[in-house]
C-alpha atoms as a PDB file:
ATOM      1  CA  MET A   1      18.904 111.803 110.405  1.00  0.00           C
ATOM      2  CA  SER A   2      15.600 111.141 112.173  1.00  0.00           C
ATOM      3  CA  GLU A   3      13.039 108.844 110.602  1.00  0.00           C
ATOM      4  CA  TYR A   4      10.469 111.601 111.033  1.00  0.00           C
ATOM      5  CA  GLU A   5      12.560 114.560 109.882  1.00  0.00           C
ATOM      6  CA  VAL A   6      10.916 117.284 107.812  1.00  0.00           C
ATOM      7  CA  ALA A   7      12.623 120.186 106.069  1.00  0.00           C
ATOM      8  CA  LEU A   8      11.817 123.234 103.989  1.00  0.00           C
ATOM      9  CA  GLU A   9      13.485 126.161 102.278  1.00  0.00           C
ATOM     10  CA  ILE A  10      12.436 129.742 102.878  1.00  0.00           C
ATOM     11  CA  ALA A  11      13.746 132.902 101.199  1.00  0.00           C
ATOM     12  CA  GLY A  12      12.807 136.555 101.145  1.00  0.00           C
ATOM     13  CA  PRO A  13      14.009 140.124 100.629  1.00  0.00           C
ATOM     14  CA  ALA A  14      14.149 140.959 104.359  1.00  0.00           C
ATOM     15  CA  ALA A  15      14.092 139.313 107.784  1.00  0.00           C
ATOM     16  CA  MET A  16      14.180 140.370 111.425  1.00  0.00           C
ATOM     17  CA  PHE A  17      14.823 137.907 114.269  1.00  0.00           C
ATOM     18  CA  THR A  18      15.145 140.400 117.100  1.00  0.00           C
ATOM     19  CA  ARG A  19      17.885 140.191 119.671  1.00  0.00           C
ATOM     20  CA  PRO A  20      16.113 141.118 122.946  1.00  0.00           C
ATOM     21  CA  ASP A  21      19.281 142.744 124.311  1.00  0.00           C
ATOM     22  CA  THR A  22      19.389 145.450 121.629  1.00  0.00           C
ATOM     23  CA  GLY A  23      16.679 147.664 123.113  1.00  0.00           C
ATOM     24  CA  SER A  24      14.762 150.375 121.246  1.00  0.00           C
ATOM     25  CA  ALA A  25      16.930 150.131 118.108  1.00  0.00           C
ATOM     26  CA  PRO A  26      16.712 146.357 117.609  1.00  0.00           C
ATOM     27  CA  ILE A  27      19.243 144.262 115.707  1.00  0.00           C
ATOM     28  CA  SER A  28      18.537 140.899 114.130  1.00  0.00           C
ATOM     29  CA  TYR A  29      20.192 137.595 114.888  1.00  0.00           C
ATOM     30  CA  PRO A  30      21.865 136.214 111.731  1.00  0.00           C
ATOM     31  CA  VAL A  31      19.532 133.187 111.723  1.00  0.00           C
ATOM     32  CA  PRO A  32      15.947 132.432 112.819  1.00  0.00           C
ATOM     33  CA  THR A  33      15.449 131.647 116.485  1.00  0.00           C
ATOM     34  CA  ALA A  34      13.992 128.251 117.365  1.00  0.00           C
ATOM     35  CA  SER A  35      10.572 129.819 118.045  1.00  0.00           C
ATOM     36  CA  ALA A  36      10.624 131.626 114.676  1.00  0.00           C
ATOM     37  CA  ALA A  37      11.551 128.372 112.924  1.00  0.00           C
ATOM     38  CA  ARG A  38       8.730 126.526 114.670  1.00  0.00           C
ATOM     39  CA  GLY A  39       6.291 129.244 113.615  1.00  0.00           C
ATOM     40  CA  ILE A  40       7.298 128.664 109.985  1.00  0.00           C
ATOM     41  CA  PHE A  41       6.770 124.902 110.340  1.00  0.00           C
ATOM     42  CA  ASP A  42       3.410 125.506 112.061  1.00  0.00           C
ATOM     43  CA  ALA A  43       2.302 127.648 109.123  1.00  0.00           C
ATOM     44  CA  VAL A  44       2.517 124.583 106.873  1.00  0.00           C
ATOM     45  CA  LEU A  45       0.872 122.069 109.205  1.00  0.00           C
ATOM     46  CA  ARG A  46      -0.005 121.924 112.872  1.00  0.00           C
ATOM     47  CA  ARG A  47      -2.143 119.710 115.073  1.00  0.00           C
ATOM     48  CA  ALA A  48      -3.087 119.957 118.732  1.00  0.00           C
ATOM     49  CA  HIS A  49      -1.295 116.739 119.666  1.00  0.00           C
ATOM     50  CA  ILE A  50       1.768 116.897 117.419  1.00  0.00           C
ATOM     51  CA  TYR A  51       4.392 119.462 116.393  1.00  0.00           C
ATOM     52  CA  VAL A  52       7.729 119.999 114.645  1.00  0.00           C
ATOM     53  CA  ARG A  53      10.757 120.614 116.855  1.00  0.00           C
ATOM     54  CA  PRO A  54      13.397 122.624 114.929  1.00  0.00           C
ATOM     55  CA  THR A  55      16.786 120.886 114.927  1.00  0.00           C
ATOM     56  CA  LYS A  56      19.032 123.022 112.707  1.00  0.00           C
ATOM     57  CA  VAL A  57      19.177 125.822 110.138  1.00  0.00           C
ATOM     58  CA  VAL A  58      21.432 126.049 107.107  1.00  0.00           C
ATOM     59  CA  LEU A  59      22.328 129.433 105.622  1.00  0.00           C
ATOM     60  CA  CYS A  60      22.068 129.545 101.829  1.00  0.00           C
ATOM     61  CA  SER A  61      22.993 133.209 101.338  1.00  0.00           C
ATOM     62  CA  PRO A  62      25.554 135.680 102.746  1.00  0.00           C
ATOM     63  CA  ILE A  63      24.704 137.463 105.991  1.00  0.00           C
ATOM     64  CA  ARG A  64      23.886 141.051 105.040  1.00  0.00           C
ATOM     65  CA  TYR A  65      22.562 143.772 107.330  1.00  0.00           C
ATOM     66  CA  GLU A  66      20.857 147.057 106.405  1.00  0.00           C
ATOM     67  CA  ARG A  67      19.260 149.926 108.286  1.00  0.00           C
ATOM     68  CA  TYR A  68      15.450 149.903 108.333  1.00  0.00           C
ATOM     69  CA  VAL A  69      13.095 152.653 109.520  1.00  0.00           C
ATOM     70  CA  THR A  70       9.367 152.223 110.031  1.00  0.00           C
ATOM     71  CA  ASN A  71       6.529 154.068 111.756  1.00  0.00           C
ATOM     72  CA  TYR A  72       5.707 152.091 114.892  1.00  0.00           C
ATOM     73  CA  GLY A  73       2.129 152.109 116.150  1.00  0.00           C
ATOM     74  CA  GLY A  74       2.141 149.179 118.553  1.00  0.00           C
ATOM     75  CA  PRO A  75       1.515 148.717 122.287  1.00  0.00           C
ATOM     76  CA  LEU A  76       5.045 149.735 123.347  1.00  0.00           C
ATOM     77  CA  ARG A  77       4.266 153.396 122.731  1.00  0.00           C
ATOM     78  CA  SER A  78       3.818 155.736 125.697  1.00  0.00           C
ATOM     79  CA  GLN A  79       0.317 156.236 127.081  1.00  0.00           C
ATOM     80  CA  GLY A  80       0.232 159.735 125.610  1.00  0.00           C
ATOM     81  CA  GLN A  81       1.145 158.488 122.149  1.00  0.00           C
ATOM     82  CA  ILE A  82      -1.507 155.784 122.328  1.00  0.00           C
ATOM     83  CA  ARG A  83      -4.124 158.260 123.552  1.00  0.00           C
ATOM     84  CA  ASP A  84      -3.347 160.752 120.781  1.00  0.00           C
ATOM     85  CA  ASN A  85      -2.921 157.999 118.182  1.00  0.00           C
ATOM     86  CA  ASN A  86       0.656 159.097 117.442  1.00  0.00           C
ATOM     87  CA  ASN A  87       3.288 156.787 116.003  1.00  0.00           C
ATOM     88  CA  TYR A  88       7.055 157.101 116.278  1.00  0.00           C
ATOM     89  CA  GLN A  89       9.900 156.174 113.979  1.00  0.00           C
ATOM     90  CA  LEU A  90      11.530 152.870 114.865  1.00  0.00           C
ATOM     91  CA  THR A  91      15.038 152.245 113.563  1.00  0.00           C
ATOM     92  CA  ALA A  92      16.211 148.644 113.227  1.00  0.00           C
ATOM     93  CA  THR A  93      19.079 146.687 111.731  1.00  0.00           C
ATOM     94  CA  ILE A  94      17.600 143.918 109.623  1.00  0.00           C
ATOM     95  CA  LEU A  95      18.813 141.112 107.363  1.00  0.00           C
ATOM     96  CA  VAL A  96      18.371 141.392 103.594  1.00  0.00           C
ATOM     97  CA  ASP A  97      18.269 138.833 100.781  1.00  0.00           C
ATOM     98  CA  VAL A  98      17.977 135.836 103.081  1.00  0.00           C
ATOM     99  CA  CYS A  99      17.635 132.154 102.276  1.00  0.00           C
ATOM    100  CA  TYR A 100      17.522 129.326 104.819  1.00  0.00           C
ATOM    101  CA  ARG A 101      16.963 125.604 104.910  1.00  0.00           C
ATOM    102  CA  LEU A 102      15.153 124.619 108.098  1.00  0.00           C
ATOM    103  CA  TYR A 103      15.170 121.100 109.517  1.00  0.00           C
ATOM    104  CA  GLY A 104      12.906 119.709 112.208  1.00  0.00           C
ATOM    105  CA  GLU A 105      11.743 116.509 113.850  1.00  0.00           C
ATOM    106  CA  VAL A 106       8.074 115.534 114.165  1.00  0.00           C
ATOM    107  CA  LYS A 107       7.255 115.037 117.847  1.00  0.00           C
ATOM    108  CA  MET A 108       4.179 113.715 119.656  1.00  0.00           C
ATOM    109  CA  LYS A 109       2.793 115.608 122.611  1.00  0.00           C
ATOM    110  CA  GLN A 110       2.155 113.481 125.671  1.00  0.00           C
ATOM    111  CA  MET A 111      -1.312 113.614 127.186  1.00  0.00           C
ATOM    112  CA  SER A 112      -1.863 113.061 130.894  1.00  0.00           C
ATOM    113  CA  THR A 113      -4.363 110.470 132.061  1.00  0.00           C
ATOM    114  CA  ARG A 114      -5.214 108.923 135.408  1.00  0.00           C
ATOM    115  CA  THR A 115      -5.244 105.182 135.946  1.00  0.00           C
ATOM    116  CA  ARG A 116      -6.174 103.172 138.992  1.00  0.00           C
ATOM    117  CA  LYS A 117      -2.518 102.919 139.997  1.00  0.00           C
ATOM    118  CA  ALA A 118      -1.114 106.380 139.293  1.00  0.00           C
ATOM    119  CA  SER A 119      -1.084 109.322 136.970  1.00  0.00           C
ATOM    120  CA  GLN A 120       0.904 108.603 133.805  1.00  0.00           C
ATOM    121  CA  LEU A 121       1.487 109.915 130.290  1.00  0.00           C
ATOM    122  CA  ARG A 122       0.104 108.353 127.148  1.00  0.00           C
ATOM    123  CA  ARG A 123      -0.101 109.036 123.429  1.00  0.00           C
ATOM    124  CA  ARG A 124      -3.325 110.391 121.962  1.00  0.00           C
ATOM    125  CA  ARG A 125      -5.622 107.412 121.287  1.00  0.00           C
ATOM    126  CA  GLY A 126      -2.603 105.164 121.670  1.00  0.00           C
ATOM    127  CA  GLN A 127      -1.463 105.744 118.076  1.00  0.00           C
ATOM    128  CA  ASP A 128       1.758 107.076 116.579  1.00  0.00           C
ATOM    129  CA  TRP A 129       0.619 109.882 114.266  1.00  0.00           C
ATOM    130  CA  ARG A 130       4.109 110.940 113.147  1.00  0.00           C
ATOM    131  CA  PRO A 131       4.181 109.052 109.801  1.00  0.00           C
ATOM    132  CA  LEU A 132       0.848 110.565 108.717  1.00  0.00           C
ATOM    133  CA  PHE A 133       1.878 114.041 109.865  1.00  0.00           C
ATOM    134  CA  LYS A 134       5.155 113.827 107.930  1.00  0.00           C
ATOM    135  CA  SER A 135       3.330 112.695 104.781  1.00  0.00           C
ATOM    136  CA  LEU A 136       0.719 115.470 105.040  1.00  0.00           C
ATOM    137  CA  PHE A 137       3.396 118.081 105.814  1.00  0.00           C
ATOM    138  CA  GLU A 138       5.429 117.202 102.721  1.00  0.00           C
ATOM    139  CA  GLU A 139       2.324 117.161 100.515  1.00  0.00           C
ATOM    140  CA  ARG A 140       1.139 120.574 101.737  1.00  0.00           C
ATOM    141  CA  LEU A 141       4.647 121.969 101.315  1.00  0.00           C
ATOM    142  CA  ARG A 142       4.810 120.700  97.737  1.00  0.00           C
ATOM    143  CA  LEU A 143       1.394 122.178  96.934  1.00  0.00           C
ATOM    144  CA  GLY A 144       2.163 125.518  98.599  1.00  0.00           C
ATOM    145  CA  GLN A 145      -0.637 125.178 101.158  1.00  0.00           C
ATOM    146  CA  THR A 146      -0.369 127.004 104.502  1.00  0.00           C
ATOM    147  CA  PHE A 147      -2.711 127.837 107.376  1.00  0.00           C
ATOM    148  CA  TYR A 148      -1.393 131.401 107.473  1.00  0.00           C
ATOM    149  CA  THR A 149       1.265 133.380 105.661  1.00  0.00           C
ATOM    150  CA  PRO A 150       4.661 132.495 107.128  1.00  0.00           C
ATOM    151  CA  CYS A 151       6.972 135.388 107.925  1.00  0.00           C
ATOM    152  CA  LEU A 152      10.675 135.966 108.384  1.00  0.00           C
ATOM    153  CA  GLY A 153      10.476 137.277 111.925  1.00  0.00           C
ATOM    154  CA  TRP A 154       8.365 140.434 111.710  1.00  0.00           C
ATOM    155  CA  LYS A 155       4.963 139.968 110.075  1.00  0.00           C
ATOM    156  CA  GLU A 156       5.668 142.495 107.308  1.00  0.00           C
ATOM    157  CA  PHE A 157       8.670 140.474 106.114  1.00  0.00           C
ATOM    158  CA  VAL A 158       6.888 137.987 103.877  1.00  0.00           C
ATOM    159  CA  PRO A 159       9.000 135.411 102.002  1.00  0.00           C
ATOM    160  CA  PHE A 160       8.872 135.081  98.236  1.00  0.00           C
ATOM    161  CA  TYR A 161       9.537 131.339  98.461  1.00  0.00           C
ATOM    162  CA  VAL A 162       8.503 128.627 100.923  1.00  0.00           C
ATOM    163  CA  GLY A 163       8.730 125.055  99.743  1.00  0.00           C
ATOM    164  CA  PRO A 164      10.933 122.028  99.124  1.00  0.00           C
ATOM    165  CA  PHE A 165      14.652 122.467  98.581  1.00  0.00           C
ATOM    166  CA  ARG A 166      15.563 124.025  95.235  1.00  0.00           C
ATOM    167  CA  ASP A 167      18.430 122.839  93.073  1.00  0.00           C
ATOM    168  CA  THR A 168      19.588 126.430  92.611  1.00  0.00           C
ATOM    169  CA  THR A 169      20.484 126.949  96.291  1.00  0.00           C
ATOM    170  CA  ALA A 170      23.337 125.553  98.351  1.00  0.00           C
ATOM    171  CA  ARG A 171      24.871 125.948 101.787  1.00  0.00           C
ATOM    172  CA  TYR A 172      26.848 129.167 102.226  1.00  0.00           C
ATOM    173  CA  GLU A 173      29.927 127.744 103.947  1.00  0.00           C
ATOM    174  CA  GLN A 174      31.717 131.097 104.139  1.00  0.00           C
ATOM    175  CA  ALA A 175      29.499 131.883 107.148  1.00  0.00           C
ATOM    176  CA  ASP A 176      31.929 130.119 109.475  1.00  0.00           C
ATOM    177  CA  ASP A 177      32.919 130.263 113.125  1.00  0.00           C
ATOM    178  CA  ILE A 178      30.340 132.917 114.013  1.00  0.00           C
ATOM    179  CA  VAL A 179      29.591 133.029 117.751  1.00  0.00           C
ATOM    180  CA  ILE A 180      26.217 134.236 119.040  1.00  0.00           C
ATOM    181  CA  SER A 181      27.009 135.239 122.604  1.00  0.00           C
ATOM    182  CA  SER A 182      23.404 135.018 123.852  1.00  0.00           C
ATOM    183  CA  PHE A 183      20.846 133.222 121.697  1.00  0.00           C
ATOM    184  CA  LEU A 184      17.114 133.119 122.475  1.00  0.00           C
ATOM    185  CA  SER A 185      16.167 129.436 122.779  1.00  0.00           C
ATOM    186  CA  SER A 186      12.518 129.639 123.856  1.00  0.00           C
ATOM    187  CA  MET A 187       9.872 132.199 124.786  1.00  0.00           C
ATOM    188  CA  TRP A 188       7.143 130.178 126.510  1.00  0.00           C
ATOM    189  CA  GLU A 189       6.885 127.464 129.129  1.00  0.00           C
ATOM    190  CA  ASN A 190       3.485 125.956 129.952  1.00  0.00           C
ATOM    191  CA  ARG A 191       1.835 128.957 128.258  1.00  0.00           C
ATOM    192  CA  GLN A 192       3.755 131.357 130.492  1.00  0.00           C
ATOM    193  CA  LEU A 193       6.111 133.982 129.059  1.00  0.00           C
ATOM    194  CA  ARG A 194       9.529 132.780 130.236  1.00  0.00           C
ATOM    195  CA  PRO A 195      12.344 133.691 127.834  1.00  0.00           C
ATOM    196  CA  GLU A 196      15.364 131.398 128.004  1.00  0.00           C
ATOM    197  CA  PHE A 197      18.794 131.948 126.461  1.00  0.00           C
ATOM    198  CA  VAL A 198      21.797 129.816 125.612  1.00  0.00           C
ATOM    199  CA  GLN A 199      25.320 131.192 125.511  1.00  0.00           C
ATOM    200  CA  ASP A 200      28.050 131.098 122.861  1.00  0.00           C
ATOM    201  CA  TRP A 201      26.044 129.254 120.184  1.00  0.00           C
ATOM    202  CA  ARG A 202      28.104 128.795 117.011  1.00  0.00           C
ATOM    203  CA  ILE A 203      27.505 128.860 113.264  1.00  0.00           C
ATOM    204  CA  ILE A 204      29.971 126.509 111.589  1.00  0.00           C
ATOM    205  CA  LYS A 205      30.297 126.366 107.796  1.00  0.00           C
ATOM    206  CA  GLY A 206      26.808 127.804 107.376  1.00  0.00           C
ATOM    207  CA  VAL A 207      25.096 125.514 109.915  1.00  0.00           C
ATOM    208  CA  LEU A 208      23.583 126.331 113.293  1.00  0.00           C
ATOM    209  CA  SER A 209      22.153 123.600 115.504  1.00  0.00           C
ATOM    210  CA  TYR A 210      19.180 124.326 117.759  1.00  0.00           C
ATOM    211  CA  ILE A 211      20.192 121.341 119.927  1.00  0.00           C
ATOM    212  CA  HIS A 212      23.986 121.522 120.213  1.00  0.00           C
ATOM    213  CA  GLN A 213      26.165 124.522 121.001  1.00  0.00           C
ATOM    214  CA  THR A 214      28.458 123.547 118.125  1.00  0.00           C
ATOM    215  CA  PRO A 215      27.017 121.544 115.192  1.00  0.00           C
ATOM    216  CA  THR A 216      28.022 117.890 115.277  1.00  0.00           C
ATOM    217  CA  GLU A 217      29.721 116.136 112.363  1.00  0.00           C
ATOM    218  CA  ASP A 218      26.410 114.454 111.513  1.00  0.00           C
ATOM    219  CA  GLU A 219      24.634 117.831 111.418  1.00  0.00           C
ATOM    220  CA  LEU A 220      27.356 119.318 109.239  1.00  0.00           C
ATOM    221  CA  ASN A 221      27.457 116.448 106.765  1.00  0.00           C
ATOM    222  CA  ALA A 222      23.766 115.534 106.542  1.00  0.00           C
END
């Protein structure tokens, strides 16, 4: 366990973490992607020079899929549909009755500076802001304060709970030995859209690691 680890629980009636390979009838991954998890952490607290890197997710409910149909009016419509202001029905396979525990590590961004000798990296104002960030994050989480409404993938899937771990939830260990053949690991690099994938990522006893292909013993037992 990291000294600067933060964690939260999030639950809701529906979720959609889209698999990019499922085309015009999208299907959800069984767990949040790393970028979706970071977006949930950012909703609680974010700073320009510091962030939370997701490390793992724990499932606290069975994996259940249902068919979902909505009227789509976004930018992926044809030019004729956009011109005539016509929507079309989008069919998706979403998750229902979800509950996750998300874990992350507070990380400092490195800022570039130029010295007389050479260009090097330094911390903002030379100070380690991680302890203060962790304290503020946990206080805002306890008070239910967020910068924006967190979502479970799609914006319309709003959770009914975001906060500290509840005594009434526990890891759902029956979700075991589930292999995600191609898992989206990141969407952006240096503000450029560059999707990256990892292969054969595994959920073991209700735990998926964002760092290791198979959760380590420490990740399983923490």
